Amino acid sequence: MTATAHTADRVFDGERILENQAVLIEDKAVTDIIALGDLPADIPLQQYPGCTLIPGLIDTHMHFMRWQGPLFLAYGVTSVRDTGNDLAWILQCRDEWPQKPWPRILCLGPLLDGTPPGHAFVAHAITDTDSAVAAVQQTAAAAVDGIKLYASIAAEWIAPMTETSHAAGLKVSMHCLPHGVLAAGRAGIDEFYHLDGILADIWPDHPPGWLAVWGDPDFDKTWDRQREVADAIAAMHLVSTPTLAYWDSQWRIRVAEPFPEERQYMPADLFQWSAAEPDAELGAVWQRAQQAASRFQGLLLERQVPTLAGSDTPCGGILPGQSLWRELSLLVTAGLSPIGALRSATSTAADFLERPELGRLQKGCAADFAVVRGDLGQQIPERPELVSVMRDGTSYAPNALLQAAETVAPSWRDEPWARQFAEHWAKRTAARP
């Protein structure tokens, strides 16, 4: 296949911003980055003035549904890591992505959870230590890309599950409520999600509730303890995937109109099932909670705790692809530089995932990139203007992907997460007075 070259005002190679450079692509791989002045005359050059060319982004925390695929690509997300789904279903999708207008798919298999599991359609229920170890072995044998432990795991199961996972060469990620991140870290996990388990560490006698408790006025009194916990997390060499875009969604859906794209491109029923009733008072609590979570994530960043960008879409009624840009923007608010935020969705993510072919533009890497209007070294847009996207050597026009995303096949309702959301919605409506 003939080599092609691509350049923009700025090229972010996964580590730093370069100028006057071109990315050479041949077949499905990057073959080099060279100075424009050294580019052979016989290589076609595609130029993108006023833009930044970046590696394809990696959303490290999401739950895949087929309608999401074109949307991820339209926003420059060329790889995703599914962090909990029906095992057979997500493995089938992982086999399909090369033939679809989807990002490449990595997956952790089902949520490994206690009994009864909180999300029955996407979980593997565990009853004791033996079944916990067997669940890890079974999931690892399916050639997944990691192991996900969920909230109802008993504390005494965590260590044998992490030992089994590590013996299989897989990292362990965990939704650490209610045991706390520190207990899970001591038991050997590698990555924690949502910052949720932090409550058990910094405020063990907190009022009833989940993440919204971070918005309690008394939460600020835990600041000294927050610093101690951040020190401990750094000492354990844990990785944080805070999904701040989810936190942000929880106040927006109660007090403000969502981003227009969310209603436009999400299936209407799914958006309704993901949303919440208008509630200005509770929305204000969630907004304070999101701000408190951002401050704590800032403590982790000060201590150089590696941080990955993940959106948790479609939870919270947030849009695939766009929500990852919101995550990057929120990470900048928490303390990362724009370049650091881009790394969290490119090179830092690829390093943690042990996928050296992703997240960078250098010789031998996958031919995945996105072209975005503006100077991303100065500012991360929440609603970016994508000019072009390449995934695995195939070019896509973002507008065409968005047009394709407007038509959702009725079969989406049969997918595992659709069934899960429908069940939660039915329970919510049945509980109403």
Protein backbone atom coordinates (compact mmCIF):
# COMPACT_ATOMS: atom_id res chain seq x y z
CA MET A 1 0.00 0.00 0.00
CA THR A 2 1.21 3.52 -0.80
CA ALA A 3 2.47 5.56 2.13
CA THR A 4 0.68 8.79 3.00
CA ALA A 5 1.74 11.68 5.20
CA HIS A 6 -0.43 13.77 7.50
CA THR A 7 0.41 17.05 9.20
CA ALA A 8 -1.25 19.84 11.16
CA ASP A 9 -0.10 23.04 12.83
CA ARG A 10 0.70 20.87 15.84
CA VAL A 11 1.27 17.12 16.16
CA PHE A 12 0.90 15.60 19.63
CA ASP A 13 2.78 12.31 19.51
CA GLY A 14 1.43 11.00 22.82
CA GLU A 15 4.11 12.71 24.89
CA ARG A 16 4.71 16.19 23.55
CA ILE A 17 3.65 18.75 20.94
CA LEU A 18 5.69 18.84 17.74
CA GLU A 19 5.63 21.41 14.96
CA ASN A 20 6.59 21.15 11.29
CA GLN A 21 6.36 17.36 11.45
CA ALA A 22 4.46 14.80 9.40
CA VAL A 23 3.10 11.42 10.43
CA LEU A 24 3.75 8.71 7.86
CA ILE A 25 1.12 5.98 7.52
CA GLU A 26 1.38 2.79 5.52
CA ASP A 27 -1.32 0.13 5.64
CA LYS A 28 -2.39 -0.10 9.30
CA ALA A 29 0.71 1.30 10.99
CA VAL A 30 2.65 4.46 11.63
CA THR A 31 5.98 4.10 9.87
CA ASP A 32 7.64 7.32 11.05
CA ILE A 33 7.33 10.95 12.11
CA ILE A 34 9.64 13.13 10.07
CA ALA A 35 10.33 16.82 9.54
CA LEU A 36 8.24 18.33 6.75
CA GLY A 37 11.42 19.44 5.02
CA ASP A 38 12.61 15.84 4.83
CA LEU A 39 9.37 14.46 3.39
CA PRO A 40 9.99 12.73 0.02
CA ALA A 41 8.24 14.49 -2.83
CA ASP A 42 6.46 11.34 -4.01
CA ILE A 43 4.55 10.81 -0.73
CA PRO A 44 1.05 12.38 -0.76
CA LEU A 45 0.65 14.93 2.04
CA GLN A 46 -2.66 15.72 3.76
CA GLN A 47 -2.51 19.05 5.61
CA TYR A 48 -4.88 20.23 8.34
CA PRO A 49 -4.34 23.95 8.99
CA GLY A 50 -5.55 25.37 12.30
CA CYS A 51 -5.63 21.90 13.88
CA THR A 52 -3.86 19.54 16.26
CA LEU A 53 -3.21 15.96 15.16
CA ILE A 54 -3.28 13.53 18.08
CA PRO A 55 -3.15 9.76 18.59
CA GLY A 56 -6.56 8.13 18.70
CA LEU A 57 -7.99 8.53 22.20
CA ILE A 58 -8.58 5.62 24.58
CA ASP A 59 -11.67 5.59 26.81
CA THR A 60 -10.53 3.35 29.66
CA HIS A 61 -13.89 3.02 31.43
CA MET A 62 -17.12 2.46 29.53
CA HIS A 63 -19.79 -0.18 28.87
CA PHE A 64 -20.21 -1.02 25.21
CA MET A 65 -23.43 -0.99 23.23
CA ARG A 66 -23.43 -1.29 19.45
CA TRP A 67 -25.07 2.10 18.82
CA GLN A 68 -22.09 3.74 20.53
CA GLY A 69 -19.50 2.63 17.97
CA PRO A 70 -19.79 5.39 15.33
CA LEU A 71 -20.11 8.05 18.04
CA PHE A 72 -16.82 7.08 19.65
CA LEU A 73 -15.05 7.29 16.31
CA ALA A 74 -16.75 10.59 15.45
CA TYR A 75 -15.12 12.11 18.53
CA GLY A 76 -11.68 10.63 17.89
CA VAL A 77 -11.93 7.74 20.37
CA THR A 78 -10.34 4.86 18.47
CA SER A 79 -9.99 2.41 21.38
CA VAL A 80 -12.25 1.61 24.32
CA ARG A 81 -11.97 -0.65 27.34
CA ASP A 82 -15.27 -2.19 28.35
CA THR A 83 -15.27 -2.47 32.13
CA GLY A 84 -18.17 -4.84 32.69
CA ASN A 85 -20.48 -6.67 30.30
CA ASP A 86 -21.89 -10.06 29.49
CA LEU A 87 -18.80 -12.12 28.71
CA ALA A 88 -19.91 -13.92 25.54
CA TRP A 89 -21.54 -10.78 24.15
CA ILE A 90 -18.57 -8.46 24.63
CA LEU A 91 -16.14 -11.05 23.28
CA GLN A 92 -18.27 -11.23 20.14
CA CYS A 93 -18.13 -7.43 19.81
CA ARG A 94 -14.37 -7.51 20.34
CA ASP A 95 -14.12 -9.90 17.38
CA GLU A 96 -16.33 -7.66 15.23
CA TRP A 97 -14.73 -4.23 15.60
CA PRO A 98 -12.30 -4.51 12.64
CA GLN A 99 -15.26 -4.86 10.26
CA LYS A 100 -17.38 -2.12 11.87
CA PRO A 101 -17.16 1.69 12.16
CA TRP A 102 -16.31 1.19 15.83
CA PRO A 103 -13.27 1.76 18.02
CA ARG A 104 -11.07 -1.24 18.75
CA ILE A 105 -12.42 -3.00 21.83
CA LEU A 106 -10.60 -4.22 24.92
CA CYS A 107 -12.67 -5.84 27.66
CA LEU A 108 -12.59 -7.00 31.27
CA GLY A 109 -15.45 -9.47 30.93
CA PRO A 110 -18.31 -9.39 33.46
CA LEU A 111 -18.48 -7.57 36.75
CA LEU A 112 -17.26 -10.11 39.30
CA ASP A 113 -19.70 -9.43 42.10
CA GLY A 114 -21.26 -10.94 45.20
CA THR A 115 -24.70 -12.50 45.50
CA PRO A 116 -27.10 -11.10 44.50
CA PRO A 117 -25.14 -9.00 42.02
CA GLY A 118 -26.06 -5.36 41.61
CA HIS A 119 -26.23 -5.68 37.80
CA ALA A 120 -27.41 -9.20 37.04
CA PHE A 121 -27.31 -8.96 33.22
CA VAL A 122 -23.61 -8.01 33.11
CA ALA A 123 -22.23 -9.73 36.22
CA HIS A 124 -20.88 -13.06 37.40
CA ALA A 125 -22.29 -13.82 40.85
CA ILE A 126 -19.92 -15.19 43.50
CA THR A 127 -20.81 -16.87 46.79
CA ASP A 128 -17.53 -17.74 48.53
CA THR A 129 -13.75 -17.68 48.18
CA ASP A 130 -13.61 -20.80 46.03
CA SER A 131 -16.19 -19.50 43.58
CA ALA A 132 -14.43 -16.11 43.58
CA VAL A 133 -11.14 -17.69 42.50
CA ALA A 134 -12.96 -19.88 39.96
CA ALA A 135 -14.68 -16.81 38.49
CA VAL A 136 -11.32 -15.12 37.92
CA GLN A 137 -9.89 -18.27 36.35
CA GLN A 138 -12.90 -18.67 34.06
CA THR A 139 -12.82 -15.04 32.99
CA ALA A 140 -9.06 -15.03 32.44
CA ALA A 141 -9.34 -18.21 30.34
CA ALA A 142 -11.56 -16.27 27.92
CA ALA A 143 -8.53 -14.10 27.02
CA VAL A 144 -9.92 -10.88 28.45
CA ASP A 145 -7.76 -7.77 28.91
CA GLY A 146 -8.07 -7.51 32.69
CA ILE A 147 -10.30 -8.38 35.64
CA LYS A 148 -13.01 -6.18 37.20
CA LEU A 149 -14.10 -6.63 40.82
CA TYR A 150 -17.40 -5.04 41.81
CA ALA A 151 -18.96 -3.54 44.91
CA SER A 152 -20.46 -6.62 46.58
CA ILE A 153 -17.21 -8.59 46.65
CA ALA A 154 -16.45 -9.70 50.22
CA ALA A 155 -13.29 -8.16 51.62
CA GLU A 156 -11.67 -11.54 52.23
CA TRP A 157 -12.08 -12.50 48.55
CA ILE A 158 -10.06 -9.60 47.16
CA ALA A 159 -6.55 -10.92 47.88
CA PRO A 160 -7.08 -14.44 46.45
CA MET A 161 -8.81 -12.95 43.40
CA THR A 162 -5.97 -10.51 42.72
CA GLU A 163 -3.38 -13.25 43.23
CA THR A 164 -5.20 -15.46 40.74
CA SER A 165 -5.53 -12.63 38.24
CA HIS A 166 -1.89 -11.62 38.50
CA ALA A 167 -0.84 -15.25 38.08
CA ALA A 168 -2.75 -15.18 34.78
CA GLY A 169 -0.91 -12.00 33.75
CA LEU A 170 -3.92 -9.71 34.18
CA LYS A 171 -4.27 -6.50 36.16
CA VAL A 172 -7.17 -6.01 38.57
CA SER A 173 -9.47 -3.00 38.59
CA MET A 174 -12.07 -2.42 41.29
CA HIS A 175 -15.18 -0.50 42.19
CA CYS A 176 -14.00 -0.26 45.82
CA LEU A 177 -17.22 0.58 47.67
CA PRO A 178 -17.77 -0.34 50.51
CA HIS A 179 -14.37 -1.66 51.63
CA GLY A 180 -12.28 1.36 50.74
CA VAL A 181 -9.43 1.90 48.31
CA LEU A 182 -6.74 1.34 50.94
CA ALA A 183 -8.02 -2.11 51.93
CA ALA A 184 -8.34 -3.07 48.26
CA GLY A 185 -4.86 -1.69 47.58
CA ARG A 186 -3.37 -3.72 50.40
CA ALA A 187 -5.10 -6.78 48.90
CA GLY A 188 -3.29 -6.19 45.63
CA ILE A 189 -5.57 -4.34 43.18
CA ASP A 190 -3.94 -2.20 40.51
CA GLU A 191 -6.59 0.40 39.66
CA PHE A 192 -9.61 1.94 41.39
CA TYR A 193 -12.68 3.52 39.79
CA HIS A 194 -14.91 6.52 40.48
CA LEU A 195 -13.14 7.54 43.74
CA ASP A 196 -16.14 5.89 45.41
CA GLY A 197 -14.27 3.70 47.91
CA ILE A 198 -12.44 6.75 49.24
CA LEU A 199 -15.42 7.49 51.50
CA ALA A 200 -14.67 4.44 53.64
CA ASP A 201 -11.09 5.64 54.05
CA ILE A 202 -11.61 9.32 54.76
CA TRP A 203 -15.02 9.36 56.47
CA PRO A 204 -15.87 5.88 57.80
CA ASP A 205 -18.88 7.13 59.81
CA HIS A 206 -20.30 9.27 56.99
CA PRO A 207 -24.07 9.76 56.59
CA PRO A 208 -25.92 7.16 54.48
CA GLY A 209 -25.45 7.43 50.76
CA TRP A 210 -23.05 6.99 47.89
CA LEU A 211 -21.09 9.59 45.90
CA ALA A 212 -23.52 12.39 46.73
CA VAL A 213 -22.19 12.26 50.31
CA TRP A 214 -19.16 14.12 49.00
CA GLY A 215 -21.49 17.11 48.71
CA ASP A 216 -22.34 17.07 52.45
CA PRO A 217 -21.24 20.35 54.11
CA ASP A 218 -19.29 18.36 56.71
CA PHE A 219 -17.21 16.63 54.06
CA ASP A 220 -14.73 19.53 54.06
CA LYS A 221 -13.79 18.63 57.63
CA THR A 222 -12.06 15.51 56.29
CA TRP A 223 -9.40 17.48 54.38
CA ASP A 224 -6.46 16.44 56.56
CA ARG A 225 -7.50 12.81 56.31
CA GLN A 226 -7.89 13.19 52.54
CA ARG A 227 -4.25 14.23 52.33
CA GLU A 228 -3.20 11.19 54.37
CA VAL A 229 -5.20 8.86 52.14
CA ALA A 230 -3.74 10.44 49.00
CA ASP A 231 -0.26 9.83 50.43
CA ALA A 232 -1.13 6.17 51.07
CA ILE A 233 -2.53 5.68 47.57
CA ALA A 234 0.64 7.11 46.05
CA ALA A 235 2.77 4.83 48.23
CA MET A 236 0.81 1.80 46.97
CA HIS A 237 1.43 2.80 43.33
CA LEU A 238 -2.27 2.54 42.51
CA VAL A 239 -3.85 4.00 39.37
CA SER A 240 -6.90 6.28 39.53
CA THR A 241 -9.66 6.32 36.93
CA PRO A 242 -11.99 8.91 38.49
CA THR A 243 -14.68 9.16 35.76
CA LEU A 244 -15.32 12.80 36.68
CA ALA A 245 -17.62 13.11 33.66
CA TYR A 246 -20.04 10.78 35.46
CA TRP A 247 -19.88 12.90 38.62
CA ASP A 248 -20.52 15.97 36.47
CA SER A 249 -23.53 14.32 34.84
CA GLN A 250 -25.26 13.77 38.15
CA TRP A 251 -25.82 17.45 38.87
CA ARG A 252 -26.45 18.38 35.24
CA ILE A 253 -29.30 15.90 34.78
CA ARG A 254 -31.03 17.28 37.88
CA VAL A 255 -30.66 21.03 37.46
CA ALA A 256 -29.63 21.81 33.87
CA GLU A 257 -30.37 20.79 30.32
CA PRO A 258 -27.97 18.14 29.05
CA PHE A 259 -25.68 18.80 26.14
CA PRO A 260 -27.90 18.81 23.00
CA GLU A 261 -25.89 15.98 21.43
CA GLU A 262 -26.84 13.67 24.27
CA ARG A 263 -30.53 13.81 23.42
CA GLN A 264 -29.83 13.84 19.69
CA TYR A 265 -27.72 10.70 19.45
CA MET A 266 -28.69 8.49 22.41
CA PRO A 267 -31.71 6.21 22.12
CA ALA A 268 -34.54 8.19 23.74
CA ASP A 269 -35.56 5.44 26.14
CA LEU A 270 -31.98 4.84 27.23
CA PHE A 271 -31.50 8.53 27.93
CA GLN A 272 -34.65 8.51 30.04
CA TRP A 273 -33.57 5.36 31.89
CA SER A 274 -30.15 6.90 32.60
CA ALA A 275 -31.41 10.26 33.81
CA ALA A 276 -32.97 11.41 37.08
CA GLU A 277 -35.94 13.47 38.17
CA PRO A 278 -35.38 17.26 38.29
CA ASP A 279 -34.27 18.16 41.80
CA ALA A 280 -32.48 21.48 42.27
CA GLU A 281 -31.54 20.78 45.89
CA LEU A 282 -30.07 17.34 45.21
CA GLY A 283 -28.46 18.69 42.06
CA ALA A 284 -26.65 21.30 44.14
CA VAL A 285 -25.42 18.55 46.46
CA TRP A 286 -24.09 16.60 43.49
CA GLN A 287 -22.38 19.68 42.12
CA ARG A 288 -20.58 20.15 45.44
CA ALA A 289 -19.74 16.45 45.37
CA GLN A 290 -18.20 16.76 41.92
CA GLN A 291 -16.13 19.73 43.09
CA ALA A 292 -14.96 17.80 46.15
CA ALA A 293 -14.02 14.82 43.99
CA SER A 294 -12.06 17.12 41.72
CA ARG A 295 -10.15 18.52 44.69
CA PHE A 296 -9.30 15.03 45.90
CA GLN A 297 -8.20 14.00 42.43
CA GLY A 298 -6.00 17.10 42.55
CA LEU A 299 -4.30 15.70 45.65
CA LEU A 300 -3.59 12.50 43.75
CA LEU A 301 -2.17 14.47 40.82
CA GLU A 302 0.09 16.43 43.17
CA ARG A 303 1.46 13.07 44.32
CA GLN A 304 1.89 11.93 40.72
CA VAL A 305 -0.64 9.12 41.00
CA PRO A 306 -1.15 7.88 37.42
CA THR A 307 -4.58 8.87 36.18
CA LEU A 308 -6.52 7.42 33.27
CA ALA A 309 -9.35 9.06 31.36
CA GLY A 310 -12.62 7.13 31.42
CA SER A 311 -16.17 8.33 30.92
CA ASP A 312 -18.43 5.52 32.27
CA THR A 313 -20.74 6.04 29.29
CA PRO A 314 -23.66 5.41 28.93
CA CYS A 315 -24.22 5.76 32.69
CA GLY A 316 -25.50 9.19 33.64
CA GLY A 317 -26.97 9.77 30.19
CA ILE A 318 -23.64 10.93 28.80
CA LEU A 319 -22.64 10.62 25.17
CA PRO A 320 -19.95 8.23 23.92
CA GLY A 321 -16.90 10.10 22.70
CA GLN A 322 -18.00 13.60 23.66
CA SER A 323 -18.01 12.61 27.33
CA LEU A 324 -14.33 11.63 27.16
CA TRP A 325 -13.48 15.18 26.06
CA ARG A 326 -15.47 16.43 29.03
CA GLU A 327 -13.42 14.07 31.20
CA LEU A 328 -10.20 15.56 29.83
CA SER A 329 -11.47 19.08 30.50
CA LEU A 330 -12.41 18.13 34.07
CA LEU A 331 -8.97 16.58 34.62
CA VAL A 332 -7.46 19.91 33.62
CA THR A 333 -9.68 21.59 36.22
CA ALA A 334 -8.40 19.04 38.77
CA GLY A 335 -4.80 19.97 38.07
CA LEU A 336 -3.48 18.31 34.93
CA SER A 337 -2.05 20.42 32.14
CA PRO A 338 -3.77 20.07 28.76
CA ILE A 339 -0.85 17.91 27.63
CA GLY A 340 -1.13 15.80 30.78
CA ALA A 341 -4.86 15.34 30.15
CA LEU A 342 -4.17 14.19 26.58
CA ARG A 343 -1.61 11.70 27.92
CA SER A 344 -4.24 10.27 30.29
CA ALA A 345 -6.23 9.17 27.23
CA THR A 346 -3.25 8.21 25.08
CA SER A 347 0.25 7.20 26.25
CA THR A 348 -0.51 6.86 29.98
CA ALA A 349 -3.54 4.71 29.20
CA ALA A 350 -1.61 2.59 26.69
CA ASP A 351 1.19 1.99 29.19
CA PHE A 352 -1.22 0.80 31.89
CA LEU A 353 -3.08 -1.39 29.42
CA GLU A 354 0.23 -2.80 28.19
CA ARG A 355 -0.71 -1.99 24.62
CA PRO A 356 2.42 -0.25 23.27
CA GLU A 357 0.93 -0.03 19.78
CA LEU A 358 -1.75 2.38 21.04
CA GLY A 359 -1.70 5.92 22.39
CA ARG A 360 1.34 7.17 20.50
CA LEU A 361 2.35 8.29 17.03
CA GLN A 362 5.67 6.60 16.48
CA LYS A 363 7.13 3.87 14.31
CA GLY A 364 5.25 0.61 14.70
CA CYS A 365 2.16 2.05 16.39
CA ALA A 366 -1.35 1.47 15.08
CA ALA A 367 -2.51 3.94 12.45
CA ASP A 368 -5.00 5.59 14.81
CA PHE A 369 -5.27 9.37 14.95
CA ALA A 370 -7.69 12.25 15.21
CA VAL A 371 -7.49 15.78 13.85
CA VAL A 372 -9.08 18.41 16.07
CA ARG A 373 -9.63 22.10 15.40
CA GLY A 374 -7.59 24.38 17.67
CA ASP A 375 -4.46 24.26 19.82
CA LEU A 376 -4.96 21.39 22.27
CA GLY A 377 -1.68 22.21 23.96
CA GLN A 378 -3.38 25.32 25.33
CA GLN A 379 -6.97 24.22 25.93
CA ILE A 380 -9.04 21.03 25.93
CA PRO A 381 -12.51 21.65 24.46
CA GLU A 382 -15.54 19.99 26.03
CA ARG A 383 -17.24 19.99 22.62
CA PRO A 384 -14.42 19.56 20.10
CA GLU A 385 -14.63 20.07 16.36
CA LEU A 386 -13.24 16.91 14.76
CA VAL A 387 -11.94 17.25 11.20
CA SER A 388 -10.79 13.70 10.45
CA VAL A 389 -10.34 10.37 12.20
CA MET A 390 -8.26 7.34 11.29
CA ARG A 391 -8.66 3.97 12.98
CA ASP A 392 -6.46 1.02 12.02
CA GLY A 393 -5.47 2.73 8.79
CA THR A 394 -9.02 3.54 7.65
CA SER A 395 -10.09 7.18 7.43
CA TYR A 396 -13.50 8.35 8.61
CA ALA A 397 -15.34 11.63 8.21
CA PRO A 398 -16.74 12.63 11.62
CA ASN A 399 -19.89 14.19 10.17
CA ALA A 400 -20.69 11.01 8.25
CA LEU A 401 -20.24 8.98 11.45
CA LEU A 402 -22.61 11.29 13.30
CA GLN A 403 -25.20 10.96 10.56
CA ALA A 404 -24.93 7.18 10.75
CA ALA A 405 -25.33 7.34 14.53
CA GLU A 406 -28.72 9.05 14.21
CA THR A 407 -30.28 5.74 13.13
CA VAL A 408 -30.32 3.22 15.97
CA ALA A 409 -31.36 -0.36 15.22
CA PRO A 410 -34.28 -1.55 17.39
CA SER A 411 -32.14 -4.53 18.42
CA TRP A 412 -30.24 -2.30 20.86
CA ARG A 413 -32.93 -3.17 23.42
CA ASP A 414 -31.77 -6.80 23.41
CA GLU A 415 -28.20 -5.96 24.44
CA PRO A 416 -27.02 -6.70 28.00
CA TRP A 417 -26.74 -3.11 29.21
CA ALA A 418 -30.08 -2.15 27.64
CA ARG A 419 -31.73 -4.95 29.57
CA GLN A 420 -29.90 -3.83 32.71
CA PHE A 421 -31.06 -0.22 32.37
CA ALA A 422 -34.60 -1.34 31.59
CA GLU A 423 -34.69 -3.44 34.76
CA HIS A 424 -33.38 -0.56 36.90
CA TRP A 425 -35.96 1.77 35.34
CA ALA A 426 -38.78 -0.68 36.05
CA LYS A 427 -37.71 -0.90 39.70
CA ARG A 428 -37.52 2.88 39.97
CA THR A 429 -40.95 3.44 38.52
CA ALA A 430 -42.49 0.66 40.65
CA ALA A 431 -41.09 2.27 43.80
CA ARG A 432 -42.71 5.64 43.10
CA PRO A 433 -45.73 6.56 45.25
